[in-house]
C-alpha atoms as a PDB file:
ATOM      1  CA  MET A   1     -21.996   0.000 -15.971  1.00  0.00           C
ATOM      2  CA  THR A   2     -19.103  -1.639 -18.174  1.00  0.00           C
ATOM      3  CA  PRO A   3     -16.554  -3.673 -15.659  1.00  0.00           C
ATOM      4  CA  ASP A   4     -13.907  -0.769 -16.038  1.00  0.00           C
ATOM      5  CA  GLU A   5     -16.607   1.918 -15.161  1.00  0.00           C
ATOM      6  CA  TYR A   6     -17.454  -0.407 -12.105  1.00  0.00           C
ATOM      7  CA  CYS A   7     -13.504  -0.125 -11.032  1.00  0.00           C
ATOM      8  CA  GLN A   8     -12.815   3.441 -12.030  1.00  0.00           C
ATOM      9  CA  ASP A   9     -15.772   4.300  -9.801  1.00  0.00           C
ATOM     10  CA  LYS A  10     -14.134   2.223  -6.727  1.00  0.00           C
ATOM     11  CA  ALA A  11     -10.825   3.758  -7.559  1.00  0.00           C
ATOM     12  CA  ALA A  12     -12.305   7.280  -7.126  1.00  0.00           C
ATOM     13  CA  ARG A  13     -14.521   6.708  -4.457  1.00  0.00           C
ATOM     14  CA  SER A  14     -11.282   5.387  -2.395  1.00  0.00           C
ATOM     15  CA  GLY A  15     -10.088   8.764  -2.209  1.00  0.00           C
ATOM     16  CA  SER A  16      -6.621   6.805  -1.788  1.00  0.00           C
ATOM     17  CA  SER A  17      -3.532   8.391  -3.073  1.00  0.00           C
ATOM     18  CA  PHE A  18      -2.331   5.460  -5.155  1.00  0.00           C
ATOM     19  CA  TYR A  19      -6.107   6.872  -7.555  1.00  0.00           C
ATOM     20  CA  TYR A  20      -3.176  10.268  -8.693  1.00  0.00           C
ATOM     21  CA  ALA A  21      -0.592   8.173 -10.020  1.00  0.00           C
ATOM     22  CA  PHE A  22      -3.267   6.497 -12.013  1.00  0.00           C
ATOM     23  CA  LEU A  23      -4.397   9.322 -14.040  1.00  0.00           C
ATOM     24  CA  PHE A  24      -0.932  10.492 -15.699  1.00  0.00           C
ATOM     25  CA  LEU A  25      -0.555   6.617 -17.116  1.00  0.00           C
ATOM     26  CA  PRO A  26      -1.585   5.647 -21.032  1.00  0.00           C
ATOM     27  CA  PRO A  27      -5.622   4.519 -21.559  1.00  0.00           C
ATOM     28  CA  GLU A  28      -4.249   0.947 -21.561  1.00  0.00           C
ATOM     29  CA  ARG A  29      -1.683   0.714 -18.422  1.00  0.00           C
ATOM     30  CA  ARG A  30      -4.398   3.079 -16.667  1.00  0.00           C
ATOM     31  CA  ARG A  31      -7.373   0.267 -16.837  1.00  0.00           C
ATOM     32  CA  ALA A  32      -5.040  -2.388 -15.986  1.00  0.00           C
ATOM     33  CA  ILE A  33      -3.892  -1.138 -12.589  1.00  0.00           C
ATOM     34  CA  ILE A  34      -7.302   0.530 -12.139  1.00  0.00           C
ATOM     35  CA  ALA A  35      -8.427  -2.986 -12.386  1.00  0.00           C
ATOM     36  CA  LEU A  36      -5.882  -4.505 -10.017  1.00  0.00           C
ATOM     37  CA  TYR A  37      -6.595  -1.194  -7.780  1.00  0.00           C
ATOM     38  CA  ALA A  38     -10.484  -1.950  -7.517  1.00  0.00           C
ATOM     39  CA  LEU A  39      -9.577  -6.201  -6.678  1.00  0.00           C
ATOM     40  CA  CYS A  40      -7.325  -4.570  -3.604  1.00  0.00           C
ATOM     41  CA  ARG A  41     -10.131  -2.353  -2.344  1.00  0.00           C
ATOM     42  CA  GLU A  42     -12.710  -5.486  -2.610  1.00  0.00           C
ATOM     43  CA  LEU A  43     -10.144  -7.602  -0.721  1.00  0.00           C
ATOM     44  CA  ASP A  44      -9.401  -5.133   1.781  1.00  0.00           C
ATOM     45  CA  ASP A  45     -12.934  -4.068   2.113  1.00  0.00           C
ATOM     46  CA  VAL A  46     -13.917  -7.555   3.199  1.00  0.00           C
ATOM     47  CA  VAL A  47     -11.496  -7.038   6.537  1.00  0.00           C
ATOM     48  CA  ASP A  48     -12.658  -3.932   7.348  1.00  0.00           C
ATOM     49  CA  GLU A  49     -15.949  -4.335   6.658  1.00  0.00           C
ATOM     50  CA  VAL A  50     -17.264  -7.463   7.765  1.00  0.00           C
ATOM     51  CA  SER A  51     -17.271  -7.833  11.455  1.00  0.00           C
ATOM     52  CA  ASP A  52     -17.650 -11.579  11.349  1.00  0.00           C
ATOM     53  CA  PRO A  53     -14.704 -13.555  10.876  1.00  0.00           C
ATOM     54  CA  GLY A  54     -16.027 -16.353   9.913  1.00  0.00           C
ATOM     55  CA  LEU A  55     -17.904 -14.822   7.437  1.00  0.00           C
ATOM     56  CA  ALA A  56     -15.168 -12.791   5.948  1.00  0.00           C
ATOM     57  CA  ARG A  57     -13.188 -16.377   5.597  1.00  0.00           C
ATOM     58  CA  VAL A  58     -16.006 -17.519   3.616  1.00  0.00           C
ATOM     59  CA  LYS A  59     -15.991 -13.954   1.603  1.00  0.00           C
ATOM     60  CA  LEU A  60     -12.463 -14.300   0.953  1.00  0.00           C
ATOM     61  CA  GLY A  61     -12.701 -17.879  -0.177  1.00  0.00           C
ATOM     62  CA  TRP A  62     -15.337 -16.899  -2.316  1.00  0.00           C
ATOM     63  CA  TRP A  63     -12.474 -14.282  -3.973  1.00  0.00           C
ATOM     64  CA  ARG A  64     -10.100 -16.906  -4.334  1.00  0.00           C
ATOM     65  CA  THR A  65     -12.781 -18.875  -6.739  1.00  0.00           C
ATOM     66  CA  GLN A  66     -13.424 -15.958  -8.582  1.00  0.00           C
ATOM     67  CA  LEU A  67      -9.531 -15.451  -9.129  1.00  0.00           C
ATOM     68  CA  ALA A  68      -9.542 -19.060 -10.180  1.00  0.00           C
ATOM     69  CA  ALA A  69     -12.426 -18.463 -12.639  1.00  0.00           C
ATOM     70  CA  MET A  70     -10.619 -15.441 -14.337  1.00  0.00           C
ATOM     71  CA  TYR A  71      -7.360 -17.145 -15.036  1.00  0.00           C
ATOM     72  CA  ASP A  72      -9.571 -20.116 -16.361  1.00  0.00           C
ATOM     73  CA  GLY A  73     -11.231 -17.515 -18.975  1.00  0.00           C
ATOM     74  CA  LYS A  74     -14.826 -17.445 -16.885  1.00  0.00           C
ATOM     75  CA  PRO A  75     -14.777 -13.918 -14.768  1.00  0.00           C
ATOM     76  CA  ASP A  76     -17.620 -13.570 -13.041  1.00  0.00           C
ATOM     77  CA  HIS A  77     -17.312 -10.346 -10.862  1.00  0.00           C
ATOM     78  CA  PRO A  78     -17.056  -6.915 -12.788  1.00  0.00           C
ATOM     79  CA  VAL A  79     -13.715  -6.317 -11.166  1.00  0.00           C
ATOM     80  CA  THR A  80     -12.088 -10.287 -12.478  1.00  0.00           C
ATOM     81  CA  LYS A  81     -14.175  -9.285 -15.735  1.00  0.00           C
ATOM     82  CA  ALA A  82     -12.196  -5.855 -15.870  1.00  0.00           C
ATOM     83  CA  LEU A  83      -8.819  -7.426 -15.144  1.00  0.00           C
ATOM     84  CA  GLN A  84      -8.672 -10.146 -17.111  1.00  0.00           C
ATOM     85  CA  PRO A  85      -7.774  -8.889 -20.443  1.00  0.00           C
ATOM     86  CA  HIS A  86      -4.523  -7.618 -18.591  1.00  0.00           C
ATOM     87  CA  LEU A  87      -3.082 -10.454 -17.009  1.00  0.00           C
ATOM     88  CA  GLN A  88      -1.084 -11.734 -20.087  1.00  0.00           C
ATOM     89  CA  PRO A  89       0.039  -8.429 -21.579  1.00  0.00           C
ATOM     90  CA  TYR A  90       1.301  -7.459 -18.090  1.00  0.00           C
ATOM     91  CA  ASN A  91       2.562 -10.652 -16.424  1.00  0.00           C
ATOM     92  CA  ILE A  92      -0.016 -10.725 -13.890  1.00  0.00           C
ATOM     93  CA  ASP A  93       0.208 -14.041 -12.301  1.00  0.00           C
ATOM     94  CA  GLN A  94      -2.077 -15.671 -10.378  1.00  0.00           C
ATOM     95  CA  THR A  95       0.367 -16.662  -7.131  1.00  0.00           C
ATOM     96  CA  ARG A  96       0.673 -13.040  -6.871  1.00  0.00           C
ATOM     97  CA  LEU A  97      -2.848 -12.225  -6.829  1.00  0.00           C
ATOM     98  CA  GLU A  98      -3.675 -15.259  -4.072  1.00  0.00           C
ATOM     99  CA  ALA A  99      -0.386 -13.772  -1.998  1.00  0.00           C
ATOM    100  CA  ILE A 100      -2.910 -10.507  -1.568  1.00  0.00           C
ATOM    101  CA  VAL A 101      -5.820 -12.679  -0.418  1.00  0.00           C
ATOM    102  CA  ASP A 102      -3.148 -14.346   2.035  1.00  0.00           C
ATOM    103  CA  GLY A 103      -2.849 -10.709   3.293  1.00  0.00           C
ATOM    104  CA  MET A 104      -5.888 -10.586   3.979  1.00  0.00           C
ATOM    105  CA  GLU A 105      -6.211 -13.745   5.965  1.00  0.00           C
ATOM    106  CA  MET A 106      -3.480 -12.790   8.188  1.00  0.00           C
ATOM    107  CA  ASP A 107      -5.457  -9.788   9.354  1.00  0.00           C
ATOM    108  CA  LEU A 108      -8.202 -12.235  10.506  1.00  0.00           C
ATOM    109  CA  ASP A 109      -5.809 -14.845  12.164  1.00  0.00           C
ATOM    110  CA  GLN A 110      -3.617 -12.271  14.392  1.00  0.00           C
ATOM    111  CA  ASN A 111      -4.192  -8.571  15.304  1.00  0.00           C
ATOM    112  CA  ARG A 112      -0.502  -8.345  16.999  1.00  0.00           C
ATOM    113  CA  TYR A 113       2.959  -8.386  15.391  1.00  0.00           C
ATOM    114  CA  LEU A 114       6.023 -10.310  17.952  1.00  0.00           C
ATOM    115  CA  ASP A 115       8.731  -8.382  15.800  1.00  0.00           C
ATOM    116  CA  TRP A 116       9.617  -6.592  12.284  1.00  0.00           C
ATOM    117  CA  ALA A 117      10.032  -9.959  10.577  1.00  0.00           C
ATOM    118  CA  GLY A 118       6.683 -10.738  11.323  1.00  0.00           C
ATOM    119  CA  LEU A 119       5.544  -7.560  10.279  1.00  0.00           C
ATOM    120  CA  ARG A 120       7.468  -7.456   7.391  1.00  0.00           C
ATOM    121  CA  LYS A 121       5.657 -10.763   6.170  1.00  0.00           C
ATOM    122  CA  TYR A 122       2.372  -8.970   6.552  1.00  0.00           C
ATOM    123  CA  CYS A 123       3.611  -6.014   4.299  1.00  0.00           C
ATOM    124  CA  TRP A 124       4.816  -7.884   1.868  1.00  0.00           C
ATOM    125  CA  HIS A 125       1.614  -9.558   1.176  1.00  0.00           C
ATOM    126  CA  ALA A 126      -0.673  -6.435   1.639  1.00  0.00           C
ATOM    127  CA  ALA A 127       1.464  -4.034  -0.255  1.00  0.00           C
ATOM    128  CA  GLY A 128       5.174  -5.176  -1.708  1.00  0.00           C
ATOM    129  CA  VAL A 129       3.700  -8.109  -3.507  1.00  0.00           C
ATOM    130  CA  VAL A 130       1.327  -5.330  -5.317  1.00  0.00           C
ATOM    131  CA  GLY A 131       4.479  -3.346  -5.681  1.00  0.00           C
ATOM    132  CA  GLU A 132       5.664  -5.948  -7.779  1.00  0.00           C
ATOM    133  CA  LEU A 133       2.491  -6.314  -9.948  1.00  0.00           C
ATOM    134  CA  SER A 134       2.474  -2.768 -10.476  1.00  0.00           C
ATOM    135  CA  ALA A 135       5.524  -2.536 -11.563  1.00  0.00           C
ATOM    136  CA  GLY A 136       4.822  -4.891 -14.611  1.00  0.00           C
ATOM    137  CA  ILE A 137       1.911  -2.900 -15.797  1.00  0.00           C
ATOM    138  CA  PHE A 138       3.781   0.054 -15.597  1.00  0.00           C
ATOM    139  CA  GLY A 139       6.999  -1.698 -17.582  1.00  0.00           C
ATOM    140  CA  TYR A 140      10.615  -2.497 -16.820  1.00  0.00           C
ATOM    141  CA  GLU A 141      12.890  -4.347 -18.562  1.00  0.00           C
ATOM    142  CA  ASP A 142      15.961  -5.033 -15.582  1.00  0.00           C
ATOM    143  CA  PRO A 143      14.686  -7.535 -13.110  1.00  0.00           C
ATOM    144  CA  SER A 144      15.790  -4.986 -10.333  1.00  0.00           C
ATOM    145  CA  THR A 145      13.139  -2.575 -11.114  1.00  0.00           C
ATOM    146  CA  LEU A 146      11.353  -5.472  -8.638  1.00  0.00           C
ATOM    147  CA  VAL A 147      13.217  -4.874  -6.059  1.00  0.00           C
ATOM    148  CA  TYR A 148      12.920  -0.881  -5.916  1.00  0.00           C
ATOM    149  CA  ALA A 149       8.491  -2.150  -6.625  1.00  0.00           C
ATOM    150  CA  GLU A 150       8.666  -4.417  -2.973  1.00  0.00           C
ATOM    151  CA  LYS A 151      10.977  -1.995  -0.951  1.00  0.00           C
ATOM    152  CA  LEU A 152       8.506   0.968  -1.669  1.00  0.00           C
ATOM    153  CA  GLY A 153       5.556  -1.396  -1.229  1.00  0.00           C
ATOM    154  CA  LEU A 154       6.834  -1.638   2.106  1.00  0.00           C
ATOM    155  CA  ALA A 155       7.499   1.905   2.858  1.00  0.00           C
ATOM    156  CA  PHE A 156       3.975   2.621   1.594  1.00  0.00           C
ATOM    157  CA  GLN A 157       3.037  -0.217   4.121  1.00  0.00           C
ATOM    158  CA  LEU A 158       4.557   1.190   6.878  1.00  0.00           C
ATOM    159  CA  THR A 159       3.258   4.789   6.361  1.00  0.00           C
ATOM    160  CA  ASN A 160      -0.244   4.057   6.134  1.00  0.00           C
ATOM    161  CA  ILE A 161       0.647   1.670   9.442  1.00  0.00           C
ATOM    162  CA  LEU A 162       1.809   5.120  11.136  1.00  0.00           C
ATOM    163  CA  ARG A 163      -1.290   6.691   9.635  1.00  0.00           C
ATOM    164  CA  ASP A 164      -3.549   4.652  10.701  1.00  0.00           C
ATOM    165  CA  VAL A 165      -2.561   3.616  14.373  1.00  0.00           C
ATOM    166  CA  GLY A 166      -5.660   5.335  16.056  1.00  0.00           C
ATOM    167  CA  ASP A 167      -8.184   4.022  13.285  1.00  0.00           C
ATOM    168  CA  ASP A 168      -6.594  -0.123  13.853  1.00  0.00           C
ATOM    169  CA  ALA A 169      -6.757   0.513  17.872  1.00  0.00           C
ATOM    170  CA  ARG A 170     -10.209   1.431  17.661  1.00  0.00           C
ATOM    171  CA  ARG A 171     -10.600  -2.075  15.583  1.00  0.00           C
ATOM    172  CA  GLY A 172      -8.621  -3.606  18.190  1.00  0.00           C
ATOM    173  CA  ARG A 173      -5.489  -4.189  16.437  1.00  0.00           C
ATOM    174  CA  ILE A 174      -2.144  -2.938  16.768  1.00  0.00           C
ATOM    175  CA  TYR A 175       0.397  -3.265  14.075  1.00  0.00           C
ATOM    176  CA  LEU A 176       3.680  -1.726  15.461  1.00  0.00           C
ATOM    177  CA  PRO A 177       5.761  -4.736  16.445  1.00  0.00           C
ATOM    178  CA  ILE A 178       5.296  -5.969  20.480  1.00  0.00           C
ATOM    179  CA  ASN A 179       9.501  -5.941  20.993  1.00  0.00           C
ATOM    180  CA  ASP A 180       9.758  -1.983  19.767  1.00  0.00           C
ATOM    181  CA  MET A 181       6.826  -1.185  21.690  1.00  0.00           C
ATOM    182  CA  GLN A 182       8.389  -3.074  24.934  1.00  0.00           C
ATOM    183  CA  GLN A 183      12.007  -1.215  23.910  1.00  0.00           C
ATOM    184  CA  HIS A 184      10.595   2.437  24.173  1.00  0.00           C
ATOM    185  CA  GLY A 185       8.169   1.563  27.260  1.00  0.00           C
ATOM    186  CA  VAL A 186       5.078   1.587  24.925  1.00  0.00           C
ATOM    187  CA  ARG A 187       2.066  -0.600  26.802  1.00  0.00           C
ATOM    188  CA  ALA A 188      -0.685  -1.677  23.760  1.00  0.00           C
ATOM    189  CA  ALA A 189      -2.999  -0.335  27.093  1.00  0.00           C
ATOM    190  CA  ASP A 190      -1.455   2.852  25.972  1.00  0.00           C
ATOM    191  CA  ILE A 191      -2.525   2.307  22.006  1.00  0.00           C
ATOM    192  CA  LEU A 192      -5.630   1.556  22.825  1.00  0.00           C
ATOM    193  CA  ASN A 193      -6.665   4.009  25.172  1.00  0.00           C
ATOM    194  CA  GLY A 194      -5.581   6.727  23.479  1.00  0.00           C
ATOM    195  CA  ASN A 195      -2.576   8.019  25.379  1.00  0.00           C
ATOM    196  CA  GLU A 196      -0.099   9.833  23.193  1.00  0.00           C
ATOM    197  CA  THR A 197       2.590   9.832  25.786  1.00  0.00           C
ATOM    198  CA  GLU A 198       6.537  11.039  25.114  1.00  0.00           C
ATOM    199  CA  GLU A 199       7.391   6.914  24.707  1.00  0.00           C
ATOM    200  CA  PHE A 200       4.895   6.572  22.003  1.00  0.00           C
ATOM    201  CA  ARG A 201       6.185   9.503  20.078  1.00  0.00           C
ATOM    202  CA  GLN A 202       9.621   7.812  20.357  1.00  0.00           C
ATOM    203  CA  LEU A 203       8.312   4.371  19.223  1.00  0.00           C
ATOM    204  CA  MET A 204       6.614   6.507  15.991  1.00  0.00           C
ATOM    205  CA  ARG A 205       9.992   7.979  15.165  1.00  0.00           C
ATOM    206  CA  PHE A 206      11.391   5.132  15.464  1.00  0.00           C
ATOM    207  CA  GLU A 207       9.389   3.243  12.637  1.00  0.00           C
ATOM    208  CA  ALA A 208       9.449   6.423  10.499  1.00  0.00           C
ATOM    209  CA  ALA A 209      13.024   6.035  10.440  1.00  0.00           C
ATOM    210  CA  ARG A 210      12.377   1.980   9.382  1.00  0.00           C
ATOM    211  CA  ALA A 211       9.782   3.640   6.521  1.00  0.00           C
ATOM    212  CA  ARG A 212      12.667   5.722   5.318  1.00  0.00           C
ATOM    213  CA  GLN A 213      14.998   3.189   5.125  1.00  0.00           C
ATOM    214  CA  PHE A 214      12.878   1.746   2.451  1.00  0.00           C
ATOM    215  CA  TYR A 215      11.944   4.978   0.809  1.00  0.00           C
ATOM    216  CA  ARG A 216      15.963   5.351   0.229  1.00  0.00           C
ATOM    217  CA  GLU A 217      16.574   1.771  -0.657  1.00  0.00           C
ATOM    218  CA  ALA A 218      13.709   1.751  -3.361  1.00  0.00           C
ATOM    219  CA  VAL A 219      14.868   4.537  -5.220  1.00  0.00           C
ATOM    220  CA  GLU A 220      18.757   3.257  -5.113  1.00  0.00           C
ATOM    221  CA  ALA A 221      17.409  -0.092  -6.211  1.00  0.00           C
ATOM    222  CA  LEU A 222      15.487   1.074  -9.298  1.00  0.00           C
ATOM    223  CA  PRO A 223      17.347   1.272 -12.671  1.00  0.00           C
ATOM    224  CA  GLU A 224      18.554   4.538 -14.625  1.00  0.00           C
ATOM    225  CA  SER A 225      16.817   2.641 -17.688  1.00  0.00           C
ATOM    226  CA  ASP A 226      13.061   2.063 -16.239  1.00  0.00           C
ATOM    227  CA  ARG A 227      13.164   5.226 -14.490  1.00  0.00           C
ATOM    228  CA  ARG A 228      10.791   6.949 -16.812  1.00  0.00           C
ATOM    229  CA  ALA A 229       8.413   3.723 -17.000  1.00  0.00           C
ATOM    230  CA  GLN A 230       8.050   3.744 -13.239  1.00  0.00           C
ATOM    231  CA  ARG A 231       6.957   7.246 -12.719  1.00  0.00           C
ATOM    232  CA  PRO A 232       3.618   6.402 -11.321  1.00  0.00           C
ATOM    233  CA  GLY A 233       5.469   4.963  -8.419  1.00  0.00           C
ATOM    234  CA  LEU A 234       7.493   8.000  -8.234  1.00  0.00           C
ATOM    235  CA  LEU A 235       4.424   9.745  -7.993  1.00  0.00           C
ATOM    236  CA  MET A 236       3.232   7.759  -5.096  1.00  0.00           C
ATOM    237  CA  ALA A 237       6.713   7.666  -3.284  1.00  0.00           C
ATOM    238  CA  ALA A 238       6.418  11.824  -3.259  1.00  0.00           C
ATOM    239  CA  ILE A 239       2.562  11.488  -2.090  1.00  0.00           C
ATOM    240  CA  TYR A 240       3.466   8.807   1.124  1.00  0.00           C
ATOM    241  CA  HIS A 241       6.739  10.676   2.112  1.00  0.00           C
ATOM    242  CA  ALA A 242       4.896  13.791   2.160  1.00  0.00           C
ATOM    243  CA  LEU A 243       2.129  12.372   4.443  1.00  0.00           C
ATOM    244  CA  LEU A 244       5.031  10.567   6.635  1.00  0.00           C
ATOM    245  CA  GLU A 245       6.525  14.265   6.870  1.00  0.00           C
ATOM    246  CA  GLU A 246       3.092  15.268   7.828  1.00  0.00           C
ATOM    247  CA  LEU A 247       2.502  12.925  10.197  1.00  0.00           C
ATOM    248  CA  GLU A 248       6.283  14.207  11.783  1.00  0.00           C
ATOM    249  CA  ARG A 249       4.822  17.654  11.427  1.00  0.00           C
ATOM    250  CA  ASP A 250       1.784  17.186  13.541  1.00  0.00           C
ATOM    251  CA  ASN A 251       3.972  15.397  16.487  1.00  0.00           C
ATOM    252  CA  TRP A 252       2.664  12.250  15.794  1.00  0.00           C
ATOM    253  CA  GLN A 253      -1.042  13.026  16.932  1.00  0.00           C
ATOM    254  CA  VAL A 254      -2.915   9.953  15.093  1.00  0.00           C
ATOM    255  CA  LEU A 255      -4.418   8.266  17.987  1.00  0.00           C
ATOM    256  CA  HIS A 256      -7.800  10.321  17.801  1.00  0.00           C
ATOM    257  CA  GLN A 257      -7.685  11.793  14.385  1.00  0.00           C
ATOM    258  CA  ARG A 258      -6.831  10.350  10.926  1.00  0.00           C
ATOM    259  CA  ILE A 259      -4.140  13.398   9.515  1.00  0.00           C
ATOM    260  CA  SER A 260      -4.389  13.346   5.579  1.00  0.00           C
ATOM    261  CA  LEU A 261      -3.054  15.520   2.715  1.00  0.00           C
ATOM    262  CA  THR A 262      -5.644  17.343   0.857  1.00  0.00           C
ATOM    263  CA  PRO A 263      -6.580  16.524  -2.620  1.00  0.00           C
ATOM    264  CA  LEU A 264      -5.209  19.179  -4.262  1.00  0.00           C
ATOM    265  CA  ARG A 265      -1.564  18.839  -2.434  1.00  0.00           C
ATOM    266  CA  LYS A 266      -1.284  15.128  -3.679  1.00  0.00           C
ATOM    267  CA  LEU A 267      -2.445  16.615  -7.344  1.00  0.00           C
ATOM    268  CA  TRP A 268       0.221  19.251  -7.125  1.00  0.00           C
ATOM    269  CA  LEU A 269       3.022  16.356  -5.912  1.00  0.00           C
ATOM    270  CA  ALA A 270       1.993  13.879  -8.596  1.00  0.00           C
ATOM    271  CA  TRP A 271       2.093  16.531 -11.674  1.00  0.00           C
ATOM    272  CA  SER A 272       5.121  18.365  -9.997  1.00  0.00           C
ATOM    273  CA  THR A 273       6.961  14.675  -9.903  1.00  0.00           C
ATOM    274  CA  TRP A 274       5.458  13.528 -13.231  1.00  0.00           C
ATOM    275  CA  VAL A 275       7.149  17.032 -14.990  1.00  0.00           C
ATOM    276  CA  GLY A 276      10.278  16.209 -13.313  1.00  0.00           C
ATOM    277  CA  GLY A 277      10.674  12.627 -13.929  1.00  0.00           C
ATOM    278  CA  GLY A 278      11.110  12.273 -10.582  1.00  0.00           C
ATOM    279  CA  LYS A 279      14.810  13.431 -10.335  1.00  0.00           C
ATOM    280  CA  ARG A 280      14.250  15.887  -7.199  1.00  0.00           C
ATOM    281  CA  LEU A 281      12.409  13.343  -5.602  1.00  0.00           C
ATOM    282  CA  ILE A 282      14.799  10.764  -6.189  1.00  0.00           C
ATOM    283  CA  ARG A 283      17.676  13.054  -5.204  1.00  0.00           C
ATOM    284  CA  ARG A 284      15.613  13.938  -1.686  1.00  0.00           C
ATOM    285  CA  LEU A 285      14.949  10.278  -1.018  1.00  0.00           C
ATOM    286  CA  ARG A 286      18.626   9.218  -1.094  1.00  0.00           C
ATOM    287  CA  LYS A 287      19.747  11.801   1.351  1.00  0.00           C
ATOM    288  CA  LEU A 288      17.389  10.091   4.120  1.00  0.00           C
ATOM    289  CA  GLN A 289      18.973   9.218   7.148  1.00  0.00           C
ATOM    290  CA  SER A 290      17.362   5.711   8.728  1.00  0.00           C
END
């Protein structure tokens, strides 16, 4: 199996919505984004699958050495071997990749966030910086596109957090800000014990409004000159925003089940957004109320 094939397999097996956006890219950019995504999956798996925090920290440290070796031109792992040829062409800088590892280490250091400011920092490390790197691979001319990419990454991460409240609670984690929970009368015990109260649903609506604000701000920041190049991000936005709507339609019943879109629906959303150039989606997201 070649390094590219390894990354392709890693991305396909994840079942992530991101994979559908990659399908429409030219071959070279597709290989680059799949390698970046495979790296993110490897790092995420360390936190999710290694139960011993000390061992997880050692593994993340090992990945830091792999990143350093990659930038020294001596990649060892299939993922870093696949990603290395794309570092210079797409301006994939080491500082941003290190920031992703920092985000994984945040998961080892804390499982609660006091307020949105703290959670936003985590979301940037987990997704905002990935959005910026992805924008570079997709291609852009206007620096404002990085603002769009960061905000879209934050919107995606917030959507993931809302979808995964139950899964995270079973791991002892609650990403919803403590002060938001207090404001809506939701106790940590309610979430950890799976109590889907009306107060919990109100809290979820509040957090969903924040996510919608970032979707809207993202498309408003996207320059017209880079819209065509950034269509893969818009494809992901179509899928993730549809997931947010699905969560709302199911009345936020996320504590005991994982709500998701079918692969066929994801493919349809991706294809229709690509063909339409994202124009309809942009108009819709601009009308969102926060």
